[in-house]
Amino acid sequence: VPLQAAAAAGVSDSNLTESLAPLVLWLSPDDCLDLLGSVMADSRPDRARKLEVMAHLRSACERPPEARIGQTASWNQLEEALRQAEALLLLKCIFENRFGPDMEFPLTFQPEWSVE
């Protein structure tokens, strides 16, 4: 249920901070990855909205070590996916400035891949 509410808030809520911030505390790392994947795949939210969602998800990664027990690898995967998403948004911005917004950006978000 928190993931469904967070996904809805991620793209449609005009006051994202009030709606998404409390929800990320209840999301597992896998839920956060799913939310990040859906936001990155959706063309409706603009770059600023995507960055705001990513900032909220990054705050979920800043949990104390005792809250990560048994899920350290999943949290590390989420942190890597967030780095990849940020890099893709930057590359897409550069691509659109060079070739225009009508040309399709050739890269896609792949959370299972490393950013390197």
PDB file of N, CA and C in Angstrom:
ATOM      1  N   VAL A   1       0.820  -1.194   0.000  1.00  0.00           N
ATOM      2  CA  VAL A   1       0.000   0.000   0.000  1.00  0.00           C
ATOM      3  C   VAL A   1       0.866   1.262   0.000  1.00  0.00           C
ATOM      4  N   PRO A   2       1.959   1.363   0.830  1.00  0.00           N
ATOM      5  CA  PRO A   2       2.779   2.576   0.756  1.00  0.00           C
ATOM      6  C   PRO A   2       3.394   2.793  -0.621  1.00  0.00           C
ATOM      7  N   LEU A   3       3.769   1.695  -1.303  1.00  0.00           N
ATOM      8  CA  LEU A   3       4.360   1.841  -2.631  1.00  0.00           C
ATOM      9  C   LEU A   3       3.346   2.407  -3.619  1.00  0.00           C
ATOM     10  N   GLN A   4       2.112   1.946  -3.568  1.00  0.00           N
ATOM     11  CA  GLN A   4       1.082   2.446  -4.473  1.00  0.00           C
ATOM     12  C   GLN A   4       0.813   3.926  -4.218  1.00  0.00           C
ATOM     13  N   ALA A   5       0.743   4.306  -2.949  1.00  0.00           N
ATOM     14  CA  ALA A   5       0.528   5.723  -2.616  1.00  0.00           C
ATOM     15  C   ALA A   5       1.719   6.565  -3.041  1.00  0.00           C
ATOM     16  N   ALA A   6       2.924   6.049  -2.834  1.00  0.00           N
ATOM     17  CA  ALA A   6       4.123   6.793  -3.217  1.00  0.00           C
ATOM     18  C   ALA A   6       4.217   6.936  -4.727  1.00  0.00           C
ATOM     19  N   ALA A   7       3.865   5.897  -5.458  1.00  0.00           N
ATOM     20  CA  ALA A   7       3.903   5.973  -6.929  1.00  0.00           C
ATOM     21  C   ALA A   7       2.909   7.001  -7.439  1.00  0.00           C
ATOM     22  N   ALA A   8       1.739   7.049  -6.845  1.00  0.00           N
ATOM     23  CA  ALA A   8       0.742   8.049  -7.242  1.00  0.00           C
ATOM     24  C   ALA A   8       1.232   9.448  -6.910  1.00  0.00           C
ATOM     25  N   ALA A   9       1.833   9.611  -5.748  1.00  0.00           N
ATOM     26  CA  ALA A   9       2.355  10.922  -5.349  1.00  0.00           C
ATOM     27  C   ALA A   9       3.538  11.326  -6.209  1.00  0.00           C
ATOM     28  N   GLY A  10       4.294  10.350  -6.665  1.00  0.00           N
ATOM     29  CA  GLY A  10       5.494  10.638  -7.429  1.00  0.00           C
ATOM     30  C   GLY A  10       5.248  11.370  -8.724  1.00  0.00           C
ATOM     31  N   VAL A  11       4.096  11.197  -9.314  1.00  0.00           N
ATOM     32  CA  VAL A  11       3.860  11.824 -10.613  1.00  0.00           C
ATOM     33  C   VAL A  11       2.700  12.802 -10.630  1.00  0.00           C
ATOM     34  N   SER A  12       1.807  12.737  -9.654  1.00  0.00           N
ATOM     35  CA  SER A  12       0.594  13.523  -9.799  1.00  0.00           C
ATOM     36  C   SER A  12       0.370  14.577  -8.729  1.00  0.00           C
ATOM     37  N   ASP A  13       0.990  14.473  -7.587  1.00  0.00           N
ATOM     38  CA  ASP A  13       0.694  15.384  -6.493  1.00  0.00           C
ATOM     39  C   ASP A  13       1.425  16.711  -6.679  1.00  0.00           C
ATOM     40  N   SER A  14       0.695  17.797  -6.588  1.00  0.00           N
ATOM     41  CA  SER A  14       1.315  19.105  -6.774  1.00  0.00           C
ATOM     42  C   SER A  14       2.181  19.493  -5.576  1.00  0.00           C
ATOM     43  N   ASN A  15       1.887  18.976  -4.402  1.00  0.00           N
ATOM     44  CA  ASN A  15       2.704  19.247  -3.224  1.00  0.00           C
ATOM     45  C   ASN A  15       3.421  17.964  -2.823  1.00  0.00           C
ATOM     46  N   LEU A  16       4.416  17.617  -3.602  1.00  0.00           N
ATOM     47  CA  LEU A  16       5.112  16.341  -3.475  1.00  0.00           C
ATOM     48  C   LEU A  16       5.783  16.156  -2.118  1.00  0.00           C
ATOM     49  N   THR A  17       6.356  17.199  -1.574  1.00  0.00           N
ATOM     50  CA  THR A  17       7.085  17.067  -0.321  1.00  0.00           C
ATOM     51  C   THR A  17       6.194  16.582   0.804  1.00  0.00           C
ATOM     52  N   GLU A  18       5.012  17.127   0.900  1.00  0.00           N
ATOM     53  CA  GLU A  18       4.107  16.713   1.973  1.00  0.00           C
ATOM     54  C   GLU A  18       3.544  15.314   1.754  1.00  0.00           C
ATOM     55  N   SER A  19       3.404  14.885   0.524  1.00  0.00           N
ATOM     56  CA  SER A  19       2.784  13.587   0.268  1.00  0.00           C
ATOM     57  C   SER A  19       3.788  12.436   0.194  1.00  0.00           C
ATOM     58  N   LEU A  20       4.962  12.666  -0.376  1.00  0.00           N
ATOM     59  CA  LEU A  20       5.918  11.579  -0.569  1.00  0.00           C
ATOM     60  C   LEU A  20       6.875  11.411   0.606  1.00  0.00           C
ATOM     61  N   ALA A  21       7.286  12.491   1.227  1.00  0.00           N
ATOM     62  CA  ALA A  21       8.287  12.414   2.298  1.00  0.00           C
ATOM     63  C   ALA A  21       7.908  11.442   3.411  1.00  0.00           C
ATOM     64  N   PRO A  22       6.680  11.468   3.938  1.00  0.00           N
ATOM     65  CA  PRO A  22       6.363  10.506   5.003  1.00  0.00           C
ATOM     66  C   PRO A  22       6.262   9.062   4.505  1.00  0.00           C
ATOM     67  N   LEU A  23       5.948   8.885   3.229  1.00  0.00           N
ATOM     68  CA  LEU A  23       5.765   7.534   2.701  1.00  0.00           C
ATOM     69  C   LEU A  23       7.074   6.784   2.501  1.00  0.00           C
ATOM     70  N   VAL A  24       8.149   7.494   2.141  1.00  0.00           N
ATOM     71  CA  VAL A  24       9.400   6.789   1.864  1.00  0.00           C
ATOM     72  C   VAL A  24       9.946   6.091   3.099  1.00  0.00           C
ATOM     73  N   LEU A  25       9.574   6.552   4.266  1.00  0.00           N
ATOM     74  CA  LEU A  25      10.040   5.906   5.492  1.00  0.00           C
ATOM     75  C   LEU A  25       9.478   4.500   5.639  1.00  0.00           C
ATOM     76  N   TRP A  26       8.378   4.203   4.969  1.00  0.00           N
ATOM     77  CA  TRP A  26       7.722   2.906   5.065  1.00  0.00           C
ATOM     78  C   TRP A  26       8.086   1.975   3.921  1.00  0.00           C
ATOM     79  N   LEU A  27       8.853   2.464   2.969  1.00  0.00           N
ATOM     80  CA  LEU A  27       9.186   1.658   1.795  1.00  0.00           C
ATOM     81  C   LEU A  27      10.432   0.809   2.044  1.00  0.00           C
ATOM     82  N   SER A  28      10.388  -0.404   1.528  1.00  0.00           N
ATOM     83  CA  SER A  28      11.570  -1.259   1.551  1.00  0.00           C
ATOM     84  C   SER A  28      12.502  -0.806   0.424  1.00  0.00           C
ATOM     85  N   PRO A  29      13.748  -1.262   0.421  1.00  0.00           N
ATOM     86  CA  PRO A  29      14.635  -0.892  -0.688  1.00  0.00           C
ATOM     87  C   PRO A  29      14.089  -1.339  -2.048  1.00  0.00           C
ATOM     88  N   ASP A  30      13.460  -2.520  -2.083  1.00  0.00           N
ATOM     89  CA  ASP A  30      12.886  -2.988  -3.350  1.00  0.00           C
ATOM     90  C   ASP A  30      11.722  -2.107  -3.797  1.00  0.00           C
ATOM     91  N   ASP A  31      10.911  -1.660  -2.835  1.00  0.00           N
ATOM     92  CA  ASP A  31       9.822  -0.736  -3.168  1.00  0.00           C
ATOM     93  C   ASP A  31      10.384   0.580  -3.703  1.00  0.00           C
ATOM     94  N   CYS A  32      11.446   1.068  -3.081  1.00  0.00           N
ATOM     95  CA  CYS A  32      12.084   2.308  -3.547  1.00  0.00           C
ATOM     96  C   CYS A  32      12.603   2.138  -4.974  1.00  0.00           C
ATOM     97  N   LEU A  33      13.204   0.983  -5.268  1.00  0.00           N
ATOM     98  CA  LEU A  33      13.684   0.717  -6.627  1.00  0.00           C
ATOM     99  C   LEU A  33      12.529   0.687  -7.626  1.00  0.00           C
ATOM    100  N   ASP A  34      11.435   0.069  -7.224  1.00  0.00           N
ATOM    101  CA  ASP A  34      10.258   0.026  -8.106  1.00  0.00           C
ATOM    102  C   ASP A  34       9.724   1.432  -8.375  1.00  0.00           C
ATOM    103  N   LEU A  35       9.655   2.242  -7.329  1.00  0.00           N
ATOM    104  CA  LEU A  35       9.186   3.621  -7.487  1.00  0.00           C
ATOM    105  C   LEU A  35      10.128   4.412  -8.390  1.00  0.00           C
ATOM    106  N   LEU A  36      11.420   4.277  -8.156  1.00  0.00           N
ATOM    107  CA  LEU A  36      12.397   4.978  -8.984  1.00  0.00           C
ATOM    108  C   LEU A  36      12.277   4.543 -10.443  1.00  0.00           C
ATOM    109  N   GLY A  37      12.134   3.243 -10.667  1.00  0.00           N
ATOM    110  CA  GLY A  37      11.986   2.737 -12.028  1.00  0.00           C
ATOM    111  C   GLY A  37      10.744   3.276 -12.720  1.00  0.00           C
ATOM    112  N   SER A  38       9.634   3.351 -11.992  1.00  0.00           N
ATOM    113  CA  SER A  38       8.397   3.847 -12.611  1.00  0.00           C
ATOM    114  C   SER A  38       8.480   5.338 -12.897  1.00  0.00           C
ATOM    115  N   VAL A  39       9.120   6.090 -12.021  1.00  0.00           N
ATOM    116  CA  VAL A  39       9.265   7.541 -12.247  1.00  0.00           C
ATOM    117  C   VAL A  39      10.204   7.804 -13.420  1.00  0.00           C
ATOM    118  N   MET A  40      11.287   7.039 -13.501  1.00  0.00           N
ATOM    119  CA  MET A  40      12.238   7.246 -14.601  1.00  0.00           C
ATOM    120  C   MET A  40      11.646   6.825 -15.949  1.00  0.00           C
ATOM    121  N   ALA A  41      10.772   5.823 -15.949  1.00  0.00           N
ATOM    122  CA  ALA A  41      10.177   5.353 -17.203  1.00  0.00           C
ATOM    123  C   ALA A  41       9.027   6.235 -17.668  1.00  0.00           C
ATOM    124  N   ASP A  42       8.439   6.989 -16.757  1.00  0.00           N
ATOM    125  CA  ASP A  42       7.278   7.824 -17.068  1.00  0.00           C
ATOM    126  C   ASP A  42       7.741   9.134 -17.702  1.00  0.00           C
ATOM    127  N   SER A  43       7.172   9.484 -18.825  1.00  0.00           N
ATOM    128  CA  SER A  43       7.576  10.722 -19.511  1.00  0.00           C
ATOM    129  C   SER A  43       6.836  11.950 -18.986  1.00  0.00           C
ATOM    130  N   ARG A  44       5.795  11.752 -18.172  1.00  0.00           N
ATOM    131  CA  ARG A  44       4.998  12.896 -17.696  1.00  0.00           C
ATOM    132  C   ARG A  44       5.758  13.803 -16.729  1.00  0.00           C
ATOM    133  N   PRO A  45       6.412  13.259 -15.687  1.00  0.00           N
ATOM    134  CA  PRO A  45       7.066  14.203 -14.782  1.00  0.00           C
ATOM    135  C   PRO A  45       8.276  14.862 -15.444  1.00  0.00           C
ATOM    136  N   ASP A  46       8.432  16.151 -15.189  1.00  0.00           N
ATOM    137  CA  ASP A  46       9.583  16.845 -15.749  1.00  0.00           C
ATOM    138  C   ASP A  46      10.832  16.526 -14.924  1.00  0.00           C
ATOM    139  N   ARG A  47      11.956  17.046 -15.370  1.00  0.00           N
ATOM    140  CA  ARG A  47      13.244  16.763 -14.727  1.00  0.00           C
ATOM    141  C   ARG A  47      13.241  17.181 -13.261  1.00  0.00           C
ATOM    142  N   ALA A  48      12.675  18.329 -12.952  1.00  0.00           N
ATOM    143  CA  ALA A  48      12.655  18.808 -11.566  1.00  0.00           C
ATOM    144  C   ALA A  48      11.853  17.869 -10.668  1.00  0.00           C
ATOM    145  N   ARG A  49      10.726  17.371 -11.181  1.00  0.00           N
ATOM    146  CA  ARG A  49       9.892  16.440 -10.397  1.00  0.00           C
ATOM    147  C   ARG A  49      10.648  15.139 -10.153  1.00  0.00           C
ATOM    148  N   LYS A  50      11.331  14.637 -11.178  1.00  0.00           N
ATOM    149  CA  LYS A  50      12.102  13.406 -11.018  1.00  0.00           C
ATOM    150  C   LYS A  50      13.220  13.593  -9.991  1.00  0.00           C
ATOM    151  N   LEU A  51      13.892  14.736 -10.050  1.00  0.00           N
ATOM    152  CA  LEU A  51      14.955  15.002  -9.078  1.00  0.00           C
ATOM    153  C   LEU A  51      14.404  15.097  -7.654  1.00  0.00           C
ATOM    154  N   GLU A  52      13.210  15.641  -7.520  1.00  0.00           N
ATOM    155  CA  GLU A  52      12.593  15.737  -6.198  1.00  0.00           C
ATOM    156  C   GLU A  52      12.260  14.346  -5.650  1.00  0.00           C
ATOM    157  N   VAL A  53      11.719  13.483  -6.498  1.00  0.00           N
ATOM    158  CA  VAL A  53      11.438  12.105  -6.077  1.00  0.00           C
ATOM    159  C   VAL A  53      12.738  11.417  -5.685  1.00  0.00           C
ATOM    160  N   MET A  54      13.774  11.616  -6.473  1.00  0.00           N
ATOM    161  CA  MET A  54      15.064  11.000  -6.172  1.00  0.00           C
ATOM    162  C   MET A  54      15.638  11.511  -4.853  1.00  0.00           C
ATOM    163  N   ALA A  55      15.436  12.770  -4.548  1.00  0.00           N
ATOM    164  CA  ALA A  55      15.910  13.314  -3.273  1.00  0.00           C
ATOM    165  C   ALA A  55      15.194  12.646  -2.099  1.00  0.00           C
ATOM    166  N   HIS A  56      13.902  12.413  -2.248  1.00  0.00           N
ATOM    167  CA  HIS A  56      13.159  11.724  -1.189  1.00  0.00           C
ATOM    168  C   HIS A  56      13.648  10.284  -1.035  1.00  0.00           C
ATOM    169  N   LEU A  57      13.905   9.623  -2.148  1.00  0.00           N
ATOM    170  CA  LEU A  57      14.401   8.250  -2.073  1.00  0.00           C
ATOM    171  C   LEU A  57      15.807   8.207  -1.478  1.00  0.00           C
ATOM    172  N   ARG A  58      16.611   9.212  -1.788  1.00  0.00           N
ATOM    173  CA  ARG A  58      17.948   9.277  -1.193  1.00  0.00           C
ATOM    174  C   ARG A  58      17.852   9.440   0.324  1.00  0.00           C
ATOM    175  N   SER A  59      16.862  10.187   0.788  1.00  0.00           N
ATOM    176  CA  SER A  59      16.689  10.338   2.236  1.00  0.00           C
ATOM    177  C   SER A  59      16.326   9.011   2.883  1.00  0.00           C
ATOM    178  N   ALA A  60      15.647   8.143   2.151  1.00  0.00           N
ATOM    179  CA  ALA A  60      15.333   6.809   2.673  1.00  0.00           C
ATOM    180  C   ALA A  60      16.603   5.992   2.847  1.00  0.00           C
ATOM    181  N   CYS A  61      17.614   6.250   2.041  1.00  0.00           N
ATOM    182  CA  CYS A  61      18.891   5.535   2.140  1.00  0.00           C
ATOM    183  C   CYS A  61      19.700   5.953   3.359  1.00  0.00           C
ATOM    184  N   GLU A  62      19.364   7.082   3.934  1.00  0.00           N
ATOM    185  CA  GLU A  62      20.131   7.617   5.057  1.00  0.00           C
ATOM    186  C   GLU A  62      19.650   7.081   6.400  1.00  0.00           C
ATOM    187  N   ARG A  63      19.073   5.909   6.381  1.00  0.00           N
ATOM    188  CA  ARG A  63      18.627   5.274   7.617  1.00  0.00           C
ATOM    189  C   ARG A  63      19.840   4.833   8.419  1.00  0.00           C
ATOM    190  N   PRO A  64      19.697   4.769   9.733  1.00  0.00           N
ATOM    191  CA  PRO A  64      20.825   4.310  10.555  1.00  0.00           C
ATOM    192  C   PRO A  64      21.159   2.840  10.251  1.00  0.00           C
ATOM    193  N   PRO A  65      22.392   2.430  10.500  1.00  0.00           N
ATOM    194  CA  PRO A  65      22.809   1.052  10.177  1.00  0.00           C
ATOM    195  C   PRO A  65      21.919  -0.022  10.796  1.00  0.00           C
ATOM    196  N   GLU A  66      21.401   0.207  11.996  1.00  0.00           N
ATOM    197  CA  GLU A  66      20.551  -0.808  12.611  1.00  0.00           C
ATOM    198  C   GLU A  66      19.229  -0.988  11.863  1.00  0.00           C
ATOM    199  N   ALA A  67      18.810   0.004  11.096  1.00  0.00           N
ATOM    200  CA  ALA A  67      17.585  -0.117  10.301  1.00  0.00           C
ATOM    201  C   ALA A  67      17.834  -0.859   8.987  1.00  0.00           C
ATOM    202  N   ARG A  68      19.108  -1.069   8.656  1.00  0.00           N
ATOM    203  CA  ARG A  68      19.470  -1.739   7.407  1.00  0.00           C
ATOM    204  C   ARG A  68      19.803  -3.216   7.605  1.00  0.00           C
ATOM    205  N   ILE A  69      19.708  -3.708   8.808  1.00  0.00           N
ATOM    206  CA  ILE A  69      20.101  -5.080   9.110  1.00  0.00           C
ATOM    207  C   ILE A  69      19.335  -6.045   8.206  1.00  0.00           C
ATOM    208  N   GLY A  70      20.091  -6.923   7.570  1.00  0.00           N
ATOM    209  CA  GLY A  70      19.497  -7.921   6.685  1.00  0.00           C
ATOM    210  C   GLY A  70      19.170  -7.409   5.295  1.00  0.00           C
ATOM    211  N   GLN A  71      19.319  -6.115   5.051  1.00  0.00           N
ATOM    212  CA  GLN A  71      18.975  -5.549   3.742  1.00  0.00           C
ATOM    213  C   GLN A  71      20.083  -4.642   3.208  1.00  0.00           C
ATOM    214  N   THR A  72      21.281  -4.792   3.707  1.00  0.00           N
ATOM    215  CA  THR A  72      22.372  -3.908   3.303  1.00  0.00           C
ATOM    216  C   THR A  72      22.606  -3.948   1.794  1.00  0.00           C
ATOM    217  N   ALA A  73      22.591  -5.133   1.206  1.00  0.00           N
ATOM    218  CA  ALA A  73      22.817  -5.244  -0.246  1.00  0.00           C
ATOM    219  C   ALA A  73      21.722  -4.526  -1.032  1.00  0.00           C
ATOM    220  N   SER A  74      20.487  -4.633  -0.581  1.00  0.00           N
ATOM    221  CA  SER A  74      19.379  -3.962  -1.272  1.00  0.00           C
ATOM    222  C   SER A  74      19.506  -2.453  -1.180  1.00  0.00           C
ATOM    223  N   TRP A  75      19.899  -1.953  -0.014  1.00  0.00           N
ATOM    224  CA  TRP A  75      20.086  -0.507   0.131  1.00  0.00           C
ATOM    225  C   TRP A  75      21.240  -0.027  -0.740  1.00  0.00           C
ATOM    226  N   ASN A  76      22.307  -0.819  -0.816  1.00  0.00           N
ATOM    227  CA  ASN A  76      23.433  -0.455  -1.677  1.00  0.00           C
ATOM    228  C   ASN A  76      23.017  -0.432  -3.140  1.00  0.00           C
ATOM    229  N   GLN A  77      22.168  -1.382  -3.547  1.00  0.00           N
ATOM    230  CA  GLN A  77      21.666  -1.402  -4.919  1.00  0.00           C
ATOM    231  C   GLN A  77      20.821  -0.160  -5.203  1.00  0.00           C
ATOM    232  N   LEU A  78      20.012   0.255  -4.233  1.00  0.00           N
ATOM    233  CA  LEU A  78      19.206   1.465  -4.408  1.00  0.00           C
ATOM    234  C   LEU A  78      20.105   2.687  -4.561  1.00  0.00           C
ATOM    235  N   GLU A  79      21.137   2.788  -3.745  1.00  0.00           N
ATOM    236  CA  GLU A  79      22.053   3.929  -3.849  1.00  0.00           C
ATOM    237  C   GLU A  79      22.719   3.966  -5.223  1.00  0.00           C
ATOM    238  N   GLU A  80      23.118   2.794  -5.735  1.00  0.00           N
ATOM    239  CA  GLU A  80      23.722   2.720  -7.071  1.00  0.00           C
ATOM    240  C   GLU A  80      22.708   3.112  -8.145  1.00  0.00           C
ATOM    241  N   ALA A  81      21.467   2.664  -7.985  1.00  0.00           N
ATOM    242  CA  ALA A  81      20.415   3.013  -8.950  1.00  0.00           C
ATOM    243  C   ALA A  81      20.138   4.513  -8.931  1.00  0.00           C
ATOM    244  N   LEU A  82      20.172   5.128  -7.768  1.00  0.00           N
ATOM    245  CA  LEU A  82      19.981   6.576  -7.688  1.00  0.00           C
ATOM    246  C   LEU A  82      21.108   7.318  -8.390  1.00  0.00           C
ATOM    247  N   ARG A  83      22.343   6.842  -8.245  1.00  0.00           N
ATOM    248  CA  ARG A  83      23.464   7.461  -8.965  1.00  0.00           C
ATOM    249  C   ARG A  83      23.257   7.334 -10.473  1.00  0.00           C
ATOM    250  N   GLN A  84      22.804   6.159 -10.919  1.00  0.00           N
ATOM    251  CA  GLN A  84      22.556   5.958 -12.343  1.00  0.00           C
ATOM    252  C   GLN A  84      21.447   6.885 -12.842  1.00  0.00           C
ATOM    253  N   ALA A  85      20.368   7.006 -12.071  1.00  0.00           N
ATOM    254  CA  ALA A  85      19.248   7.865 -12.476  1.00  0.00           C
ATOM    255  C   ALA A  85      19.689   9.322 -12.588  1.00  0.00           C
ATOM    256  N   GLU A  86      20.493   9.783 -11.635  1.00  0.00           N
ATOM    257  CA  GLU A  86      20.991  11.162 -11.691  1.00  0.00           C
ATOM    258  C   GLU A  86      21.870  11.370 -12.919  1.00  0.00           C
ATOM    259  N   ALA A  87      22.744  10.403 -13.200  1.00  0.00           N
ATOM    260  CA  ALA A  87      23.614  10.508 -14.373  1.00  0.00           C
ATOM    261  C   ALA A  87      22.789  10.518 -15.657  1.00  0.00           C
ATOM    262  N   LEU A  88      21.768   9.678 -15.727  1.00  0.00           N
ATOM    263  CA  LEU A  88      20.913   9.642 -16.921  1.00  0.00           C
ATOM    264  C   LEU A  88      20.174  10.956 -17.129  1.00  0.00           C
ATOM    265  N   LEU A  89      19.682  11.548 -16.042  1.00  0.00           N
ATOM    266  CA  LEU A  89      18.992  12.838 -16.190  1.00  0.00           C
ATOM    267  C   LEU A  89      19.947  13.913 -16.692  1.00  0.00           C
ATOM    268  N   LEU A  90      21.175  13.906 -16.199  1.00  0.00           N
ATOM    269  CA  LEU A  90      22.167  14.872 -16.665  1.00  0.00           C
ATOM    270  C   LEU A  90      22.500  14.639 -18.134  1.00  0.00           C
ATOM    271  N   LEU A  91      22.734  13.379 -18.500  1.00  0.00           N
ATOM    272  CA  LEU A  91      23.033  13.066 -19.901  1.00  0.00           C
ATOM    273  C   LEU A  91      21.867  13.425 -20.819  1.00  0.00           C
ATOM    274  N   LYS A  92      20.642  13.178 -20.352  1.00  0.00           N
ATOM    275  CA  LYS A  92      19.466  13.504 -21.162  1.00  0.00           C
ATOM    276  C   LYS A  92      19.356  15.014 -21.368  1.00  0.00           C
ATOM    277  N   CYS A  93      19.661  15.772 -20.340  1.00  0.00           N
ATOM    278  CA  CYS A  93      19.630  17.233 -20.451  1.00  0.00           C
ATOM    279  C   CYS A  93      20.642  17.708 -21.499  1.00  0.00           C
ATOM    280  N   ILE A  94      21.844  17.176 -21.435  1.00  0.00           N
ATOM    281  CA  ILE A  94      22.881  17.538 -22.398  1.00  0.00           C
ATOM    282  C   ILE A  94      22.463  17.116 -23.810  1.00  0.00           C
ATOM    283  N   PHE A  95      21.923  15.900 -23.931  1.00  0.00           N
ATOM    284  CA  PHE A  95      21.470  15.369 -25.214  1.00  0.00           C
ATOM    285  C   PHE A  95      20.397  16.263 -25.823  1.00  0.00           C
ATOM    286  N   GLU A  96      19.401  16.659 -25.000  1.00  0.00           N
ATOM    287  CA  GLU A  96      18.316  17.507 -25.502  1.00  0.00           C
ATOM    288  C   GLU A  96      18.818  18.888 -25.899  1.00  0.00           C
ATOM    289  N   ASN A  97      19.797  19.421 -25.179  1.00  0.00           N
ATOM    290  CA  ASN A  97      20.356  20.718 -25.550  1.00  0.00           C
ATOM    291  C   ASN A  97      21.135  20.639 -26.865  1.00  0.00           C
ATOM    292  N   ARG A  98      21.737  19.506 -27.112  1.00  0.00           N
ATOM    293  CA  ARG A  98      22.535  19.340 -28.329  1.00  0.00           C
ATOM    294  C   ARG A  98      21.680  18.995 -29.544  1.00  0.00           C
ATOM    295  N   PHE A  99      20.720  18.069 -29.355  1.00  0.00           N
ATOM    296  CA  PHE A  99      19.964  17.541 -30.500  1.00  0.00           C
ATOM    297  C   PHE A  99      18.497  17.969 -30.524  1.00  0.00           C
ATOM    298  N   GLY A 100      18.033  18.642 -29.483  1.00  0.00           N
ATOM    299  CA  GLY A 100      16.645  19.066 -29.425  1.00  0.00           C
ATOM    300  C   GLY A 100      15.779  18.043 -28.707  1.00  0.00           C
ATOM    301  N   PRO A 101      14.661  18.497 -28.159  1.00  0.00           N
ATOM    302  CA  PRO A 101      13.807  17.606 -27.370  1.00  0.00           C
ATOM    303  C   PRO A 101      13.024  16.584 -28.201  1.00  0.00           C
ATOM    304  N   ASP A 102      12.974  16.770 -29.521  1.00  0.00           N
ATOM    305  CA  ASP A 102      12.203  15.850 -30.363  1.00  0.00           C
ATOM    306  C   ASP A 102      12.940  14.552 -30.659  1.00  0.00           C
ATOM    307  N   MET A 103      14.256  14.567 -30.541  1.00  0.00           N
ATOM    308  CA  MET A 103      15.024  13.351 -30.806  1.00  0.00           C
ATOM    309  C   MET A 103      14.974  12.439 -29.578  1.00  0.00           C
ATOM    310  N   GLU A 104      14.724  11.164 -29.803  1.00  0.00           N
ATOM    311  CA  GLU A 104      14.576  10.213 -28.703  1.00  0.00           C
ATOM    312  C   GLU A 104      15.917   9.941 -28.024  1.00  0.00           C
ATOM    313  N   PHE A 105      15.919  10.039 -26.702  1.00  0.00           N
ATOM    314  CA  PHE A 105      17.119   9.767 -25.911  1.00  0.00           C
ATOM    315  C   PHE A 105      17.391   8.262 -25.963  1.00  0.00           C
ATOM    316  N   PRO A 106      18.600   7.839 -26.354  1.00  0.00           N
ATOM    317  CA  PRO A 106      18.848   6.418 -26.606  1.00  0.00           C
ATOM    318  C   PRO A 106      19.093   5.555 -25.358  1.00  0.00           C
ATOM    319  N   LEU A 107      19.305   6.152 -24.204  1.00  0.00           N
ATOM    320  CA  LEU A 107      19.606   5.372 -23.000  1.00  0.00           C
ATOM    321  C   LEU A 107      18.370   5.221 -22.128  1.00  0.00           C
ATOM    322  N   THR A 108      18.295   4.106 -21.403  1.00  0.00           N
ATOM    323  CA  THR A 108      17.182   3.872 -20.489  1.00  0.00           C
ATOM    324  C   THR A 108      17.717   3.494 -19.121  1.00  0.00           C
ATOM    325  N   PHE A 109      16.886   3.682 -18.128  1.00  0.00           N
ATOM    326  CA  PHE A 109      17.227   3.356 -16.748  1.00  0.00           C
ATOM    327  C   PHE A 109      17.206   1.845 -16.566  1.00  0.00           C
ATOM    328  N   GLN A 110      18.313   1.297 -16.097  1.00  0.00           N
ATOM    329  CA  GLN A 110      18.448  -0.141 -15.840  1.00  0.00           C
ATOM    330  C   GLN A 110      18.984  -0.323 -14.419  1.00  0.00           C
ATOM    331  N   PRO A 111      18.107  -0.433 -13.419  1.00  0.00           N
ATOM    332  CA  PRO A 111      18.564  -0.443 -12.024  1.00  0.00           C
ATOM    333  C   PRO A 111      19.487  -1.598 -11.668  1.00  0.00           C
ATOM    334  N   GLU A 112      19.475  -2.665 -12.444  1.00  0.00           N
ATOM    335  CA  GLU A 112      20.347  -3.793 -12.142  1.00  0.00           C
ATOM    336  C   GLU A 112      21.768  -3.585 -12.664  1.00  0.00           C
ATOM    337  N   TRP A 113      21.984  -2.555 -13.458  1.00  0.00           N
ATOM    338  CA  TRP A 113      23.313  -2.256 -14.005  1.00  0.00           C
ATOM    339  C   TRP A 113      24.048  -1.282 -13.102  1.00  0.00           C
ATOM    340  N   SER A 114      25.359  -1.335 -13.152  1.00  0.00           N
ATOM    341  CA  SER A 114      26.191  -0.365 -12.436  1.00  0.00           C
ATOM    342  C   SER A 114      26.306   0.902 -13.273  1.00  0.00           C
ATOM    343  N   VAL A 115      26.499   2.010 -12.625  1.00  0.00           N
ATOM    344  CA  VAL A 115      26.630   3.282 -13.333  1.00  0.00           C
ATOM    345  C   VAL A 115      27.993   3.359 -14.048  1.00  0.00           C
ATOM    346  N   GLU A 116      28.915   2.543 -13.660  1.00  0.00           N
ATOM    347  CA  GLU A 116      30.260   2.582 -14.258  1.00  0.00           C
ATOM    348  C   GLU A 116      30.280   1.953 -15.575  1.00  0.00           C
TER     349      GLU A 116
END
